[in-house]
Amino acid sequence: MPIYVDADACPVKDEIYRVARRHEVRVFVVSNASLFTPRDELIEMVVVRGGFDMADDWIAERVGGGDVAVTSDIPLAERCLKAGARVLSPKGREFTEDAIGDAMATRALMEMLRQSGEFGGGPSAFSKVDRSRFLSKLDEALHAIRRKGS
């Protein structure tokens, strides 16, 4: 039951490490460049070179049922769901099979609006509420996976 972290812009890495230690779960911190990770046998930094989306490909090729993926990348979330993983955004939103199609459509619409100049900006700022929601959802996901596996 590893946790795969799309780490380049993930604001909850420290929270993931704390929860992983408590649950004794392995964490793969996947990025295009080396990032600081604590020295811990449960935490492994994986640097994937080669270009855009290579880190996403690395995660998607390995994630499976009983795993957790943490990403704000909707196409990666969709790939992880198809592999049977539970997927959380850093803001604590759980991606589900039922909702991923809507998320992909919204993403495409927003991209089109940004390119046409009709919409600017990005996601809302990360807050303490987001951090708290994420911690709760990650803990909930790990407990659910353990119950299912028992």
N, C-alpha and C. Protein backbone atom coordinates (compact mmCIF):
# COMPACT_ATOMS: atom_id res chain seq x y z
N MET A 1 0.84 -1.19 0.00
CA MET A 1 0.00 0.00 0.00
C MET A 1 0.88 1.24 0.00
N PRO A 2 1.69 1.42 -1.01
CA PRO A 2 2.51 2.64 -1.03
C PRO A 2 1.70 3.88 -1.39
N ILE A 3 2.28 5.03 -1.05
CA ILE A 3 1.74 6.32 -1.45
C ILE A 3 2.68 6.86 -2.52
N TYR A 4 2.13 7.23 -3.66
CA TYR A 4 2.89 7.83 -4.75
C TYR A 4 2.56 9.33 -4.76
N VAL A 5 3.60 10.15 -4.69
CA VAL A 5 3.41 11.60 -4.61
C VAL A 5 3.94 12.26 -5.87
N ASP A 6 3.06 12.94 -6.59
CA ASP A 6 3.45 13.78 -7.71
C ASP A 6 3.99 15.06 -7.06
N ALA A 7 5.31 15.10 -6.84
CA ALA A 7 5.88 15.98 -5.84
C ALA A 7 6.32 17.36 -6.30
N ASP A 8 6.41 17.62 -7.59
CA ASP A 8 6.99 18.90 -8.03
C ASP A 8 6.34 20.12 -7.37
N ALA A 9 5.06 20.15 -7.27
CA ALA A 9 4.39 21.31 -6.67
C ALA A 9 3.46 20.90 -5.53
N CYS A 10 3.80 19.83 -4.85
CA CYS A 10 2.93 19.31 -3.80
C CYS A 10 3.20 20.03 -2.47
N PRO A 11 2.19 20.73 -1.92
CA PRO A 11 2.40 21.47 -0.68
C PRO A 11 2.21 20.65 0.60
N VAL A 12 1.91 19.35 0.47
CA VAL A 12 1.60 18.55 1.67
C VAL A 12 2.57 17.38 1.85
N LYS A 13 3.78 17.51 1.35
CA LYS A 13 4.75 16.41 1.48
C LYS A 13 5.04 16.09 2.94
N ASP A 14 5.26 17.11 3.78
CA ASP A 14 5.55 16.84 5.19
C ASP A 14 4.39 16.11 5.87
N GLU A 15 3.19 16.46 5.53
CA GLU A 15 2.02 15.79 6.10
C GLU A 15 1.96 14.33 5.65
N ILE A 16 2.29 14.10 4.40
CA ILE A 16 2.32 12.72 3.88
C ILE A 16 3.35 11.90 4.65
N TYR A 17 4.52 12.47 4.89
CA TYR A 17 5.56 11.74 5.62
C TYR A 17 5.09 11.37 7.03
N ARG A 18 4.43 12.31 7.71
CA ARG A 18 3.95 12.03 9.07
C ARG A 18 2.92 10.91 9.08
N VAL A 19 1.96 10.98 8.17
CA VAL A 19 0.91 9.96 8.12
C VAL A 19 1.52 8.61 7.71
N ALA A 20 2.43 8.62 6.78
CA ALA A 20 3.07 7.38 6.32
C ALA A 20 3.83 6.70 7.46
N ARG A 21 4.53 7.49 8.25
CA ARG A 21 5.25 6.91 9.40
C ARG A 21 4.28 6.28 10.39
N ARG A 22 3.18 6.98 10.65
CA ARG A 22 2.19 6.47 11.60
C ARG A 22 1.58 5.16 11.12
N HIS A 23 1.36 5.05 9.82
CA HIS A 23 0.75 3.86 9.24
C HIS A 23 1.79 2.85 8.74
N GLU A 24 3.07 3.22 8.84
CA GLU A 24 4.16 2.36 8.36
C GLU A 24 3.96 2.00 6.88
N VAL A 25 3.77 3.04 6.08
CA VAL A 25 3.51 2.90 4.65
C VAL A 25 4.66 3.54 3.88
N ARG A 26 5.08 2.89 2.82
CA ARG A 26 6.15 3.40 1.97
C ARG A 26 5.65 4.57 1.11
N VAL A 27 6.53 5.56 0.90
CA VAL A 27 6.21 6.73 0.10
C VAL A 27 7.22 6.88 -1.03
N PHE A 28 6.73 7.04 -2.24
CA PHE A 28 7.58 7.35 -3.39
C PHE A 28 7.32 8.81 -3.74
N VAL A 29 8.33 9.64 -3.56
CA VAL A 29 8.26 11.06 -3.86
C VAL A 29 8.84 11.23 -5.26
N VAL A 30 7.98 11.46 -6.24
CA VAL A 30 8.38 11.42 -7.65
C VAL A 30 8.40 12.84 -8.22
N SER A 31 9.56 13.19 -8.82
CA SER A 31 9.74 14.55 -9.31
C SER A 31 10.69 14.56 -10.49
N ASN A 32 10.70 15.69 -11.21
CA ASN A 32 11.63 15.87 -12.32
C ASN A 32 13.00 16.34 -11.84
N ALA A 33 13.09 16.77 -10.59
CA ALA A 33 14.35 17.23 -10.00
C ALA A 33 14.41 16.74 -8.57
N SER A 34 15.60 16.66 -8.05
CA SER A 34 15.79 16.20 -6.67
C SER A 34 15.19 17.21 -5.70
N LEU A 35 14.44 16.70 -4.74
CA LEU A 35 13.84 17.52 -3.69
C LEU A 35 14.31 16.99 -2.35
N PHE A 36 14.28 17.84 -1.34
CA PHE A 36 14.64 17.37 0.00
C PHE A 36 13.60 16.36 0.47
N THR A 37 14.07 15.22 0.93
CA THR A 37 13.21 14.25 1.60
C THR A 37 13.92 13.81 2.87
N PRO A 38 13.18 13.55 3.91
CA PRO A 38 13.81 13.10 5.16
C PRO A 38 14.50 11.75 4.98
N ARG A 39 15.54 11.54 5.75
CA ARG A 39 16.19 10.23 5.75
C ARG A 39 15.29 9.28 6.54
N ASP A 40 14.67 8.40 5.82
CA ASP A 40 13.72 7.48 6.43
C ASP A 40 13.59 6.30 5.49
N GLU A 41 13.64 5.10 6.02
CA GLU A 41 13.56 3.91 5.16
C GLU A 41 12.21 3.79 4.45
N LEU A 42 11.19 4.48 4.93
CA LEU A 42 9.88 4.44 4.29
C LEU A 42 9.74 5.43 3.13
N ILE A 43 10.65 6.40 3.05
CA ILE A 43 10.52 7.48 2.06
C ILE A 43 11.62 7.38 1.02
N GLU A 44 11.21 7.31 -0.24
CA GLU A 44 12.18 7.21 -1.34
C GLU A 44 11.96 8.33 -2.35
N MET A 45 13.02 9.08 -2.61
CA MET A 45 12.99 10.13 -3.63
C MET A 45 13.27 9.49 -4.97
N VAL A 46 12.40 9.72 -5.95
CA VAL A 46 12.57 9.19 -7.30
C VAL A 46 12.65 10.37 -8.24
N VAL A 47 13.82 10.57 -8.86
CA VAL A 47 13.99 11.64 -9.83
C VAL A 47 13.86 11.04 -11.22
N VAL A 48 12.91 11.56 -11.98
CA VAL A 48 12.64 11.05 -13.31
C VAL A 48 13.04 12.13 -14.32
N ARG A 49 14.02 11.83 -15.10
CA ARG A 49 14.50 12.79 -16.11
C ARG A 49 13.90 12.41 -17.46
N GLY A 50 13.93 13.34 -18.37
CA GLY A 50 13.50 13.00 -19.72
C GLY A 50 12.43 13.88 -20.29
N GLY A 51 11.85 14.76 -19.50
CA GLY A 51 10.90 15.69 -20.08
C GLY A 51 9.58 15.74 -19.36
N PHE A 52 8.73 16.55 -19.94
CA PHE A 52 7.39 16.83 -19.43
C PHE A 52 6.60 15.53 -19.26
N ASP A 53 5.96 15.37 -18.16
CA ASP A 53 5.07 14.23 -17.85
C ASP A 53 5.80 12.91 -17.59
N MET A 54 7.11 12.89 -17.59
CA MET A 54 7.82 11.63 -17.33
C MET A 54 7.59 11.16 -15.89
N ALA A 55 7.52 12.08 -14.94
CA ALA A 55 7.22 11.70 -13.56
C ALA A 55 5.81 11.11 -13.47
N ASP A 56 4.87 11.71 -14.19
CA ASP A 56 3.51 11.18 -14.22
C ASP A 56 3.50 9.76 -14.79
N ASP A 57 4.24 9.56 -15.87
CA ASP A 57 4.32 8.23 -16.48
C ASP A 57 4.89 7.21 -15.49
N TRP A 58 5.93 7.61 -14.75
CA TRP A 58 6.55 6.71 -13.77
C TRP A 58 5.51 6.26 -12.74
N ILE A 59 4.75 7.21 -12.23
CA ILE A 59 3.72 6.88 -11.25
C ILE A 59 2.65 5.98 -11.86
N ALA A 60 2.13 6.37 -13.02
CA ALA A 60 1.03 5.63 -13.66
C ALA A 60 1.42 4.20 -14.01
N GLU A 61 2.69 3.97 -14.31
CA GLU A 61 3.15 2.62 -14.65
C GLU A 61 3.28 1.72 -13.43
N ARG A 62 3.32 2.29 -12.24
CA ARG A 62 3.56 1.49 -11.03
C ARG A 62 2.38 1.42 -10.07
N VAL A 63 1.56 2.45 -10.05
CA VAL A 63 0.45 2.51 -9.10
C VAL A 63 -0.57 1.42 -9.41
N GLY A 64 -1.22 0.93 -8.38
CA GLY A 64 -2.23 -0.11 -8.58
C GLY A 64 -3.25 -0.13 -7.46
N GLY A 65 -4.09 -1.14 -7.48
CA GLY A 65 -5.10 -1.30 -6.44
C GLY A 65 -4.45 -1.41 -5.08
N GLY A 66 -5.03 -0.76 -4.10
CA GLY A 66 -4.48 -0.77 -2.75
C GLY A 66 -3.42 0.30 -2.54
N ASP A 67 -3.14 1.11 -3.55
CA ASP A 67 -2.17 2.20 -3.43
C ASP A 67 -2.91 3.53 -3.34
N VAL A 68 -2.18 4.56 -2.93
CA VAL A 68 -2.71 5.91 -2.89
C VAL A 68 -1.81 6.79 -3.75
N ALA A 69 -2.41 7.63 -4.56
CA ALA A 69 -1.66 8.62 -5.34
C ALA A 69 -2.11 10.00 -4.89
N VAL A 70 -1.13 10.91 -4.76
CA VAL A 70 -1.43 12.29 -4.39
C VAL A 70 -0.98 13.17 -5.55
N THR A 71 -1.94 13.84 -6.18
CA THR A 71 -1.64 14.69 -7.33
C THR A 71 -2.73 15.73 -7.51
N SER A 72 -2.35 16.85 -8.10
CA SER A 72 -3.36 17.83 -8.51
C SER A 72 -3.53 17.78 -10.03
N ASP A 73 -2.81 16.87 -10.67
CA ASP A 73 -2.85 16.69 -12.13
C ASP A 73 -4.02 15.78 -12.49
N ILE A 74 -5.04 16.33 -13.11
CA ILE A 74 -6.26 15.57 -13.38
C ILE A 74 -6.03 14.40 -14.35
N PRO A 75 -5.28 14.58 -15.44
CA PRO A 75 -5.02 13.41 -16.30
C PRO A 75 -4.27 12.28 -15.56
N LEU A 76 -3.32 12.64 -14.69
CA LEU A 76 -2.64 11.61 -13.91
C LEU A 76 -3.62 10.96 -12.94
N ALA A 77 -4.48 11.74 -12.33
CA ALA A 77 -5.49 11.18 -11.42
C ALA A 77 -6.35 10.15 -12.15
N GLU A 78 -6.74 10.48 -13.38
CA GLU A 78 -7.55 9.55 -14.17
C GLU A 78 -6.79 8.25 -14.43
N ARG A 79 -5.52 8.35 -14.79
CA ARG A 79 -4.71 7.16 -15.05
C ARG A 79 -4.58 6.30 -13.79
N CYS A 80 -4.39 6.94 -12.64
CA CYS A 80 -4.25 6.21 -11.38
C CYS A 80 -5.56 5.52 -10.99
N LEU A 81 -6.68 6.20 -11.21
CA LEU A 81 -7.98 5.59 -10.94
C LEU A 81 -8.19 4.35 -11.80
N LYS A 82 -7.82 4.45 -13.07
CA LYS A 82 -7.96 3.30 -13.97
C LYS A 82 -7.12 2.12 -13.50
N ALA A 83 -6.02 2.40 -12.79
CA ALA A 83 -5.16 1.34 -12.26
C ALA A 83 -5.68 0.80 -10.93
N GLY A 84 -6.76 1.39 -10.42
CA GLY A 84 -7.36 0.89 -9.19
C GLY A 84 -6.93 1.60 -7.92
N ALA A 85 -6.13 2.66 -8.03
CA ALA A 85 -5.64 3.37 -6.85
C ALA A 85 -6.68 4.34 -6.31
N ARG A 86 -6.51 4.72 -5.06
CA ARG A 86 -7.26 5.83 -4.48
C ARG A 86 -6.45 7.07 -4.77
N VAL A 87 -7.10 8.16 -5.16
CA VAL A 87 -6.38 9.36 -5.59
C VAL A 87 -6.91 10.58 -4.84
N LEU A 88 -5.96 11.32 -4.26
CA LEU A 88 -6.29 12.55 -3.53
C LEU A 88 -5.56 13.73 -4.12
N SER A 89 -6.21 14.88 -4.10
CA SER A 89 -5.51 16.11 -4.44
C SER A 89 -4.87 16.64 -3.16
N PRO A 90 -3.85 17.50 -3.27
CA PRO A 90 -3.25 18.07 -2.06
C PRO A 90 -4.24 18.90 -1.22
N LYS A 91 -5.35 19.29 -1.81
CA LYS A 91 -6.36 20.03 -1.06
C LYS A 91 -7.38 19.11 -0.39
N GLY A 92 -7.17 17.81 -0.51
CA GLY A 92 -8.04 16.86 0.16
C GLY A 92 -9.26 16.43 -0.64
N ARG A 93 -9.27 16.76 -1.90
CA ARG A 93 -10.37 16.30 -2.77
C ARG A 93 -10.05 14.88 -3.21
N GLU A 94 -11.01 13.97 -3.03
CA GLU A 94 -10.80 12.61 -3.51
C GLU A 94 -11.35 12.51 -4.92
N PHE A 95 -10.49 12.10 -5.85
CA PHE A 95 -10.92 11.85 -7.21
C PHE A 95 -11.60 10.49 -7.23
N THR A 96 -12.72 10.40 -7.93
CA THR A 96 -13.44 9.13 -8.03
C THR A 96 -13.74 8.83 -9.49
N GLU A 97 -14.04 7.57 -9.77
CA GLU A 97 -14.41 7.15 -11.12
C GLU A 97 -15.64 7.92 -11.60
N ASP A 98 -16.59 8.16 -10.68
CA ASP A 98 -17.82 8.85 -11.04
C ASP A 98 -17.59 10.31 -11.43
N ALA A 99 -16.59 10.95 -10.84
CA ALA A 99 -16.40 12.39 -11.04
C ALA A 99 -15.24 12.76 -11.95
N ILE A 100 -14.39 11.81 -12.32
CA ILE A 100 -13.18 12.17 -13.07
C ILE A 100 -13.52 12.69 -14.47
N GLY A 101 -14.56 12.18 -15.10
CA GLY A 101 -14.96 12.68 -16.41
C GLY A 101 -15.34 14.15 -16.37
N ASP A 102 -16.09 14.54 -15.34
CA ASP A 102 -16.45 15.96 -15.16
C ASP A 102 -15.21 16.80 -14.92
N ALA A 103 -14.29 16.29 -14.11
CA ALA A 103 -13.06 17.03 -13.82
C ALA A 103 -12.23 17.23 -15.10
N MET A 104 -12.16 16.20 -15.93
CA MET A 104 -11.42 16.31 -17.19
C MET A 104 -12.09 17.34 -18.12
N ALA A 105 -13.42 17.32 -18.18
CA ALA A 105 -14.14 18.27 -19.03
C ALA A 105 -13.96 19.70 -18.53
N THR A 106 -14.03 19.89 -17.23
CA THR A 106 -13.83 21.22 -16.65
C THR A 106 -12.42 21.72 -16.92
N ARG A 107 -11.45 20.83 -16.80
CA ARG A 107 -10.06 21.19 -17.08
C ARG A 107 -9.91 21.66 -18.53
N ALA A 108 -10.49 20.92 -19.45
CA ALA A 108 -10.40 21.28 -20.87
C ALA A 108 -11.08 22.63 -21.13
N LEU A 109 -12.24 22.86 -20.51
CA LEU A 109 -12.95 24.12 -20.68
C LEU A 109 -12.12 25.29 -20.13
N MET A 110 -11.57 25.13 -18.96
CA MET A 110 -10.77 26.20 -18.35
C MET A 110 -9.53 26.49 -19.18
N GLU A 111 -8.91 25.47 -19.71
CA GLU A 111 -7.74 25.67 -20.57
C GLU A 111 -8.13 26.45 -21.82
N MET A 112 -9.26 26.11 -22.41
CA MET A 112 -9.73 26.83 -23.59
C MET A 112 -10.01 28.30 -23.27
N LEU A 113 -10.65 28.56 -22.13
CA LEU A 113 -10.95 29.93 -21.72
C LEU A 113 -9.67 30.72 -21.45
N ARG A 114 -8.68 30.08 -20.82
CA ARG A 114 -7.41 30.76 -20.57
C ARG A 114 -6.72 31.11 -21.87
N GLN A 115 -6.72 30.18 -22.82
CA GLN A 115 -6.06 30.43 -24.09
C GLN A 115 -6.75 31.52 -24.90
N SER A 116 -8.05 31.66 -24.72
CA SER A 116 -8.79 32.69 -25.45
C SER A 116 -8.70 34.05 -24.75
N GLY A 117 -8.13 34.06 -23.56
CA GLY A 117 -7.98 35.31 -22.82
C GLY A 117 -9.21 35.70 -22.01
N GLU A 118 -10.20 34.83 -21.96
CA GLU A 118 -11.43 35.15 -21.25
C GLU A 118 -11.37 34.83 -19.76
N PHE A 119 -10.35 34.12 -19.37
CA PHE A 119 -10.23 33.73 -17.98
C PHE A 119 -8.75 33.71 -17.63
N GLY A 120 -8.41 34.26 -16.52
CA GLY A 120 -7.01 34.26 -16.10
C GLY A 120 -6.88 33.66 -14.71
N GLY A 121 -5.65 33.55 -14.29
CA GLY A 121 -5.42 33.04 -12.95
C GLY A 121 -5.39 31.54 -12.90
N GLY A 122 -5.20 31.05 -11.72
CA GLY A 122 -5.12 29.62 -11.51
C GLY A 122 -5.99 29.21 -10.34
N PRO A 123 -5.60 28.14 -9.68
CA PRO A 123 -6.41 27.67 -8.55
C PRO A 123 -6.32 28.62 -7.36
N SER A 124 -7.27 28.48 -6.46
CA SER A 124 -7.27 29.30 -5.25
C SER A 124 -6.06 28.96 -4.39
N ALA A 125 -5.69 29.90 -3.53
CA ALA A 125 -4.52 29.70 -2.66
C ALA A 125 -4.75 28.53 -1.72
N PHE A 126 -3.66 27.86 -1.38
CA PHE A 126 -3.70 26.73 -0.46
C PHE A 126 -3.91 27.26 0.96
N SER A 127 -4.82 26.66 1.73
CA SER A 127 -5.15 27.17 3.06
C SER A 127 -4.97 26.11 4.14
N LYS A 128 -5.08 26.55 5.39
CA LYS A 128 -5.01 25.63 6.53
C LYS A 128 -6.16 24.62 6.47
N VAL A 129 -7.30 25.06 6.00
CA VAL A 129 -8.46 24.17 5.86
C VAL A 129 -8.14 23.07 4.84
N ASP A 130 -7.50 23.45 3.73
CA ASP A 130 -7.10 22.47 2.72
C ASP A 130 -6.16 21.43 3.33
N ARG A 131 -5.17 21.91 4.09
CA ARG A 131 -4.19 21.02 4.72
C ARG A 131 -4.88 20.04 5.67
N SER A 132 -5.79 20.56 6.47
CA SER A 132 -6.52 19.73 7.43
C SER A 132 -7.39 18.69 6.70
N ARG A 133 -8.08 19.13 5.65
CA ARG A 133 -8.93 18.23 4.87
C ARG A 133 -8.08 17.12 4.25
N PHE A 134 -6.90 17.50 3.72
CA PHE A 134 -6.02 16.51 3.12
C PHE A 134 -5.60 15.46 4.15
N LEU A 135 -5.15 15.91 5.31
CA LEU A 135 -4.72 14.97 6.36
C LEU A 135 -5.83 13.99 6.71
N SER A 136 -7.04 14.50 6.86
CA SER A 136 -8.18 13.66 7.19
C SER A 136 -8.45 12.64 6.09
N LYS A 137 -8.45 13.10 4.83
CA LYS A 137 -8.74 12.21 3.70
C LYS A 137 -7.64 11.16 3.51
N LEU A 138 -6.38 11.53 3.71
CA LEU A 138 -5.30 10.55 3.56
C LEU A 138 -5.42 9.47 4.63
N ASP A 139 -5.64 9.88 5.85
CA ASP A 139 -5.81 8.92 6.94
C ASP A 139 -7.01 8.01 6.66
N GLU A 140 -8.10 8.59 6.21
CA GLU A 140 -9.32 7.83 5.87
C GLU A 140 -9.03 6.82 4.75
N ALA A 141 -8.32 7.25 3.72
CA ALA A 141 -8.01 6.37 2.59
C ALA A 141 -7.15 5.19 3.04
N LEU A 142 -6.14 5.44 3.86
CA LEU A 142 -5.27 4.35 4.32
C LEU A 142 -6.03 3.37 5.20
N HIS A 143 -6.90 3.88 6.06
CA HIS A 143 -7.73 2.98 6.90
C HIS A 143 -8.66 2.14 6.02
N ALA A 144 -9.26 2.76 5.01
CA ALA A 144 -10.19 2.04 4.12
C ALA A 144 -9.46 0.93 3.36
N ILE A 145 -8.27 1.22 2.88
CA ILE A 145 -7.49 0.21 2.15
C ILE A 145 -7.14 -0.94 3.07
N ARG A 146 -6.74 -0.64 4.30
CA ARG A 146 -6.41 -1.70 5.27
C ARG A 146 -7.63 -2.58 5.56
N ARG A 147 -8.78 -1.92 5.76
CA ARG A 147 -10.02 -2.69 6.04
C ARG A 147 -10.36 -3.60 4.88
N LYS A 148 -10.22 -3.07 3.67
CA LYS A 148 -10.55 -3.85 2.47
C LYS A 148 -9.61 -5.03 2.30
N GLY A 149 -8.35 -4.83 2.67
CA GLY A 149 -7.35 -5.88 2.54
C GLY A 149 -7.41 -6.94 3.61
N SER A 150 -8.12 -6.63 4.70
CA SER A 150 -8.19 -7.59 5.84
C SER A 150 -9.14 -8.70 5.56
